[in-house]
């Protein structure tokens, strides 16, 4: 790994308390599945869910993996495209003219 990750995804934040502590010590944001037996205050982006059920773990992991792949593709495609603004200051200026 060339450096620290920008974010970590942890499924069982209670069982992986060492990973949670290490990420917090290094200032790495955590996205974590937080069950009723977990402390969500240590997780920057908690996802309420069942971290014991295999189907739930597959669902959360699959959604995170799909999101990463989709954002990578979008960033590669977006490098060649112009950014379009929907609203904000440019829309207000055009409406006044």
N, C-alpha and C. Protein backbone atom coordinates (compact mmCIF):
# COMPACT_ATOMS: atom_id res chain seq x y z
N UNK A 1 0.84 -1.17 0.00
CA UNK A 1 0.00 0.00 0.00
C UNK A 1 0.90 1.24 0.00
N UNK A 2 0.66 2.17 -0.91
CA UNK A 2 1.54 3.33 -1.01
C UNK A 2 1.40 4.32 0.15
N UNK A 3 0.31 4.29 0.85
CA UNK A 3 0.10 5.22 1.96
C UNK A 3 -1.12 4.82 2.76
N UNK A 4 -1.56 5.72 3.61
CA UNK A 4 -2.75 5.44 4.41
C UNK A 4 -4.00 5.48 3.54
N UNK A 5 -4.98 4.64 3.83
CA UNK A 5 -6.23 4.70 3.06
C UNK A 5 -7.02 5.96 3.43
N UNK A 6 -7.86 6.38 2.52
CA UNK A 6 -8.70 7.56 2.76
C UNK A 6 -9.88 7.23 3.66
N UNK A 7 -10.23 5.94 3.72
CA UNK A 7 -11.41 5.50 4.46
C UNK A 7 -11.29 4.00 4.69
N UNK A 8 -11.85 3.51 5.79
CA UNK A 8 -11.91 2.07 6.01
C UNK A 8 -13.36 1.65 6.21
N UNK A 9 -13.68 0.44 5.76
CA UNK A 9 -15.01 -0.15 5.93
C UNK A 9 -14.86 -1.34 6.85
N UNK A 10 -15.57 -1.32 7.97
CA UNK A 10 -15.49 -2.39 8.96
C UNK A 10 -16.89 -2.95 9.18
N UNK A 11 -17.01 -4.28 9.04
CA UNK A 11 -18.32 -4.92 9.18
C UNK A 11 -18.71 -5.07 10.64
N UNK A 12 -17.90 -5.70 11.46
CA UNK A 12 -18.22 -5.94 12.86
C UNK A 12 -17.34 -5.04 13.72
N UNK A 13 -17.83 -3.86 14.06
CA UNK A 13 -17.01 -2.87 14.75
C UNK A 13 -16.72 -3.27 16.19
N UNK A 14 -17.53 -4.15 16.77
CA UNK A 14 -17.25 -4.62 18.13
C UNK A 14 -16.12 -5.65 18.11
N UNK A 15 -16.19 -6.60 17.21
CA UNK A 15 -15.17 -7.64 17.11
C UNK A 15 -13.84 -7.06 16.61
N UNK A 16 -13.90 -6.09 15.74
CA UNK A 16 -12.71 -5.48 15.15
C UNK A 16 -12.32 -4.20 15.88
N UNK A 17 -12.37 -4.22 17.21
CA UNK A 17 -12.09 -3.02 18.01
C UNK A 17 -10.66 -2.52 17.83
N UNK A 18 -9.72 -3.42 17.52
CA UNK A 18 -8.34 -2.99 17.28
C UNK A 18 -8.27 -2.18 15.99
N UNK A 19 -8.97 -2.62 14.96
CA UNK A 19 -8.99 -1.87 13.68
C UNK A 19 -9.65 -0.51 13.87
N UNK A 20 -10.72 -0.47 14.67
CA UNK A 20 -11.41 0.80 14.95
C UNK A 20 -10.46 1.75 15.69
N UNK A 21 -9.79 1.24 16.72
CA UNK A 21 -8.87 2.07 17.49
C UNK A 21 -7.71 2.57 16.63
N UNK A 22 -7.16 1.71 15.80
CA UNK A 22 -6.04 2.09 14.94
C UNK A 22 -6.45 3.15 13.92
N UNK A 23 -7.61 2.97 13.30
CA UNK A 23 -8.09 3.96 12.33
C UNK A 23 -8.34 5.30 13.01
N UNK A 24 -8.93 5.27 14.19
CA UNK A 24 -9.16 6.53 14.91
C UNK A 24 -7.86 7.18 15.32
N UNK A 25 -6.88 6.40 15.72
CA UNK A 25 -5.58 6.94 16.11
C UNK A 25 -4.89 7.61 14.93
N UNK A 26 -5.05 7.04 13.75
CA UNK A 26 -4.41 7.58 12.54
C UNK A 26 -5.26 8.65 11.85
N UNK A 27 -6.48 8.88 12.35
CA UNK A 27 -7.35 9.88 11.75
C UNK A 27 -8.01 9.43 10.46
N UNK A 28 -8.15 8.13 10.28
CA UNK A 28 -8.79 7.59 9.08
C UNK A 28 -10.28 7.43 9.36
N UNK A 29 -11.15 8.04 8.57
CA UNK A 29 -12.59 7.90 8.78
C UNK A 29 -13.04 6.45 8.63
N UNK A 30 -14.05 6.07 9.40
CA UNK A 30 -14.55 4.70 9.39
C UNK A 30 -16.00 4.69 8.95
N UNK A 31 -16.30 3.82 7.98
CA UNK A 31 -17.66 3.45 7.64
C UNK A 31 -17.84 2.07 8.24
N UNK A 32 -18.80 1.93 9.14
CA UNK A 32 -18.93 0.65 9.82
C UNK A 32 -20.36 0.24 10.06
N UNK A 33 -20.60 -1.06 9.95
CA UNK A 33 -21.91 -1.62 10.28
C UNK A 33 -21.97 -1.70 11.79
N UNK A 34 -22.97 -1.04 12.37
CA UNK A 34 -23.10 -0.94 13.81
C UNK A 34 -24.38 -1.65 14.24
N UNK A 35 -24.20 -2.72 15.00
CA UNK A 35 -25.31 -3.49 15.54
C UNK A 35 -25.74 -2.88 16.87
N UNK A 36 -26.78 -3.41 17.47
CA UNK A 36 -27.28 -2.87 18.74
C UNK A 36 -26.30 -3.08 19.88
N UNK A 37 -25.34 -3.97 19.74
CA UNK A 37 -24.36 -4.22 20.80
C UNK A 37 -23.07 -3.44 20.60
N UNK A 38 -23.06 -2.45 19.71
CA UNK A 38 -21.85 -1.68 19.40
C UNK A 38 -21.99 -0.24 19.85
N UNK A 39 -20.85 0.43 20.01
CA UNK A 39 -20.81 1.84 20.35
C UNK A 39 -20.61 2.66 19.07
N UNK A 40 -21.64 3.38 18.62
CA UNK A 40 -21.50 4.12 17.35
C UNK A 40 -20.68 5.41 17.47
N UNK A 41 -20.33 5.82 18.68
CA UNK A 41 -19.61 7.08 18.84
C UNK A 41 -18.18 7.02 18.28
N UNK A 42 -17.63 5.83 18.12
CA UNK A 42 -16.28 5.68 17.59
C UNK A 42 -16.25 5.61 16.07
N UNK A 43 -17.44 5.54 15.44
CA UNK A 43 -17.55 5.37 13.99
C UNK A 43 -18.03 6.68 13.39
N UNK A 44 -17.31 7.19 12.41
CA UNK A 44 -17.68 8.47 11.79
C UNK A 44 -18.91 8.34 10.90
N UNK A 45 -19.04 7.22 10.20
CA UNK A 45 -20.17 6.99 9.30
C UNK A 45 -20.81 5.65 9.63
N UNK A 46 -21.64 5.61 10.69
CA UNK A 46 -22.24 4.32 11.08
C UNK A 46 -23.39 3.91 10.15
N UNK A 47 -23.45 2.62 9.88
CA UNK A 47 -24.54 2.04 9.11
C UNK A 47 -25.26 1.09 10.06
N UNK A 48 -26.48 1.42 10.48
CA UNK A 48 -27.18 0.50 11.38
C UNK A 48 -27.55 -0.78 10.65
N UNK A 49 -27.20 -1.91 11.25
CA UNK A 49 -27.51 -3.17 10.60
C UNK A 49 -27.03 -4.35 11.41
N UNK A 50 -27.38 -5.53 10.95
CA UNK A 50 -27.02 -6.77 11.61
C UNK A 50 -25.66 -7.22 11.10
N UNK A 51 -24.66 -7.20 11.98
CA UNK A 51 -23.33 -7.61 11.57
C UNK A 51 -23.06 -9.09 11.83
N UNK A 52 -24.10 -9.83 12.23
CA UNK A 52 -23.94 -11.26 12.50
C UNK A 52 -24.49 -12.13 11.37
N UNK A 53 -25.43 -11.62 10.60
CA UNK A 53 -26.07 -12.41 9.55
C UNK A 53 -25.24 -12.37 8.28
N UNK A 54 -24.99 -13.54 7.72
CA UNK A 54 -24.19 -13.65 6.50
C UNK A 54 -24.81 -12.88 5.35
N UNK A 55 -26.13 -12.95 5.20
CA UNK A 55 -26.80 -12.23 4.10
C UNK A 55 -26.62 -10.73 4.24
N UNK A 56 -26.69 -10.21 5.46
CA UNK A 56 -26.50 -8.78 5.68
C UNK A 56 -25.06 -8.36 5.36
N UNK A 57 -24.10 -9.18 5.77
CA UNK A 57 -22.70 -8.87 5.49
C UNK A 57 -22.44 -8.87 3.99
N UNK A 58 -22.99 -9.85 3.28
CA UNK A 58 -22.85 -9.88 1.82
C UNK A 58 -23.49 -8.67 1.18
N UNK A 59 -24.65 -8.26 1.69
CA UNK A 59 -25.35 -7.09 1.14
C UNK A 59 -24.52 -5.83 1.33
N UNK A 60 -24.06 -5.57 2.57
CA UNK A 60 -23.28 -4.36 2.85
C UNK A 60 -21.98 -4.36 2.07
N UNK A 61 -21.28 -5.48 2.07
CA UNK A 61 -19.99 -5.56 1.36
C UNK A 61 -20.18 -5.38 -0.13
N UNK A 62 -21.22 -5.98 -0.68
CA UNK A 62 -21.50 -5.83 -2.10
C UNK A 62 -21.83 -4.40 -2.48
N UNK A 63 -22.62 -3.73 -1.64
CA UNK A 63 -22.98 -2.33 -1.92
C UNK A 63 -21.76 -1.42 -1.86
N UNK A 64 -20.90 -1.64 -0.89
CA UNK A 64 -19.68 -0.83 -0.79
C UNK A 64 -18.77 -1.09 -1.99
N UNK A 65 -18.59 -2.34 -2.35
CA UNK A 65 -17.73 -2.67 -3.50
C UNK A 65 -18.30 -2.08 -4.79
N UNK A 66 -19.60 -2.18 -5.00
CA UNK A 66 -20.22 -1.61 -6.20
C UNK A 66 -20.06 -0.09 -6.24
N UNK A 67 -20.20 0.56 -5.09
CA UNK A 67 -20.05 2.01 -5.03
C UNK A 67 -18.63 2.44 -5.36
N UNK A 68 -17.65 1.69 -4.86
CA UNK A 68 -16.25 2.01 -5.15
C UNK A 68 -15.97 1.87 -6.65
N UNK A 69 -16.42 0.77 -7.23
CA UNK A 69 -16.21 0.56 -8.67
C UNK A 69 -16.91 1.63 -9.50
N UNK A 70 -18.13 1.98 -9.12
CA UNK A 70 -18.88 2.99 -9.86
C UNK A 70 -18.21 4.36 -9.76
N UNK A 71 -17.73 4.72 -8.58
CA UNK A 71 -17.09 6.03 -8.44
C UNK A 71 -15.75 6.08 -9.16
N UNK A 72 -15.03 4.96 -9.20
CA UNK A 72 -13.79 4.92 -9.98
C UNK A 72 -14.07 5.14 -11.45
N UNK A 73 -15.11 4.46 -11.97
CA UNK A 73 -15.47 4.64 -13.38
C UNK A 73 -15.91 6.06 -13.66
N UNK A 74 -16.68 6.64 -12.75
CA UNK A 74 -17.15 8.01 -12.94
C UNK A 74 -15.99 8.99 -12.93
N UNK A 75 -15.01 8.77 -12.05
CA UNK A 75 -13.88 9.70 -11.99
C UNK A 75 -13.02 9.59 -13.25
N UNK A 76 -12.89 8.40 -13.79
CA UNK A 76 -12.12 8.23 -15.03
C UNK A 76 -12.84 8.87 -16.20
N UNK A 77 -14.16 8.70 -16.28
CA UNK A 77 -14.93 9.29 -17.36
C UNK A 77 -15.03 10.80 -17.19
N UNK A 78 -15.18 11.26 -15.95
CA UNK A 78 -15.35 12.68 -15.66
C UNK A 78 -14.12 13.50 -15.90
N UNK A 79 -12.97 12.88 -15.98
CA UNK A 79 -11.74 13.63 -16.22
C UNK A 79 -11.74 14.29 -17.59
N UNK A 80 -12.49 13.71 -18.53
CA UNK A 80 -12.54 14.25 -19.89
C UNK A 80 -13.75 15.14 -20.13
N UNK A 81 -14.64 15.25 -19.14
CA UNK A 81 -15.88 16.01 -19.33
C UNK A 81 -15.87 17.29 -18.52
N UNK A 82 -16.70 18.23 -18.97
CA UNK A 82 -16.85 19.49 -18.28
C UNK A 82 -17.87 19.32 -17.16
N UNK A 83 -17.65 20.00 -16.03
CA UNK A 83 -18.58 19.94 -14.91
C UNK A 83 -19.77 20.84 -15.20
N UNK A 84 -20.97 20.33 -14.92
CA UNK A 84 -22.21 21.08 -15.14
C UNK A 84 -22.83 21.37 -13.79
N UNK A 85 -23.23 22.62 -13.57
CA UNK A 85 -23.85 23.01 -12.32
C UNK A 85 -25.36 23.07 -12.49
N UNK A 86 -26.06 22.48 -11.55
CA UNK A 86 -27.52 22.52 -11.56
C UNK A 86 -27.98 23.38 -10.40
N UNK A 87 -28.15 24.67 -10.64
CA UNK A 87 -28.58 25.59 -9.59
C UNK A 87 -27.42 26.39 -9.06
N UNK A 88 -27.67 27.12 -7.99
CA UNK A 88 -26.62 27.91 -7.38
C UNK A 88 -26.48 29.27 -8.03
N UNK A 89 -25.34 29.89 -7.89
CA UNK A 89 -25.10 31.27 -8.35
C UNK A 89 -25.25 31.43 -9.85
N UNK A 90 -24.77 30.51 -10.63
CA UNK A 90 -24.85 30.64 -12.10
C UNK A 90 -26.31 30.64 -12.57
N UNK A 91 -27.15 29.83 -11.97
CA UNK A 91 -28.56 29.79 -12.35
C UNK A 91 -29.26 31.07 -11.95
N UNK A 92 -28.89 31.65 -10.79
CA UNK A 92 -29.52 32.91 -10.36
C UNK A 92 -29.12 34.07 -11.28
N UNK A 93 -27.87 34.12 -11.71
CA UNK A 93 -27.41 35.16 -12.61
C UNK A 93 -28.12 35.05 -13.95
N UNK A 94 -28.27 33.84 -14.47
CA UNK A 94 -28.96 33.64 -15.75
C UNK A 94 -30.43 34.02 -15.65
N UNK A 95 -31.04 33.78 -14.52
CA UNK A 95 -32.47 34.11 -14.34
C UNK A 95 -32.68 35.61 -14.29
N UNK A 96 -31.71 36.34 -13.75
CA UNK A 96 -31.84 37.81 -13.65
C UNK A 96 -31.64 38.50 -14.99
N UNK A 97 -30.88 37.86 -15.89
CA UNK A 97 -30.54 38.49 -17.17
C UNK A 97 -31.65 38.50 -18.15
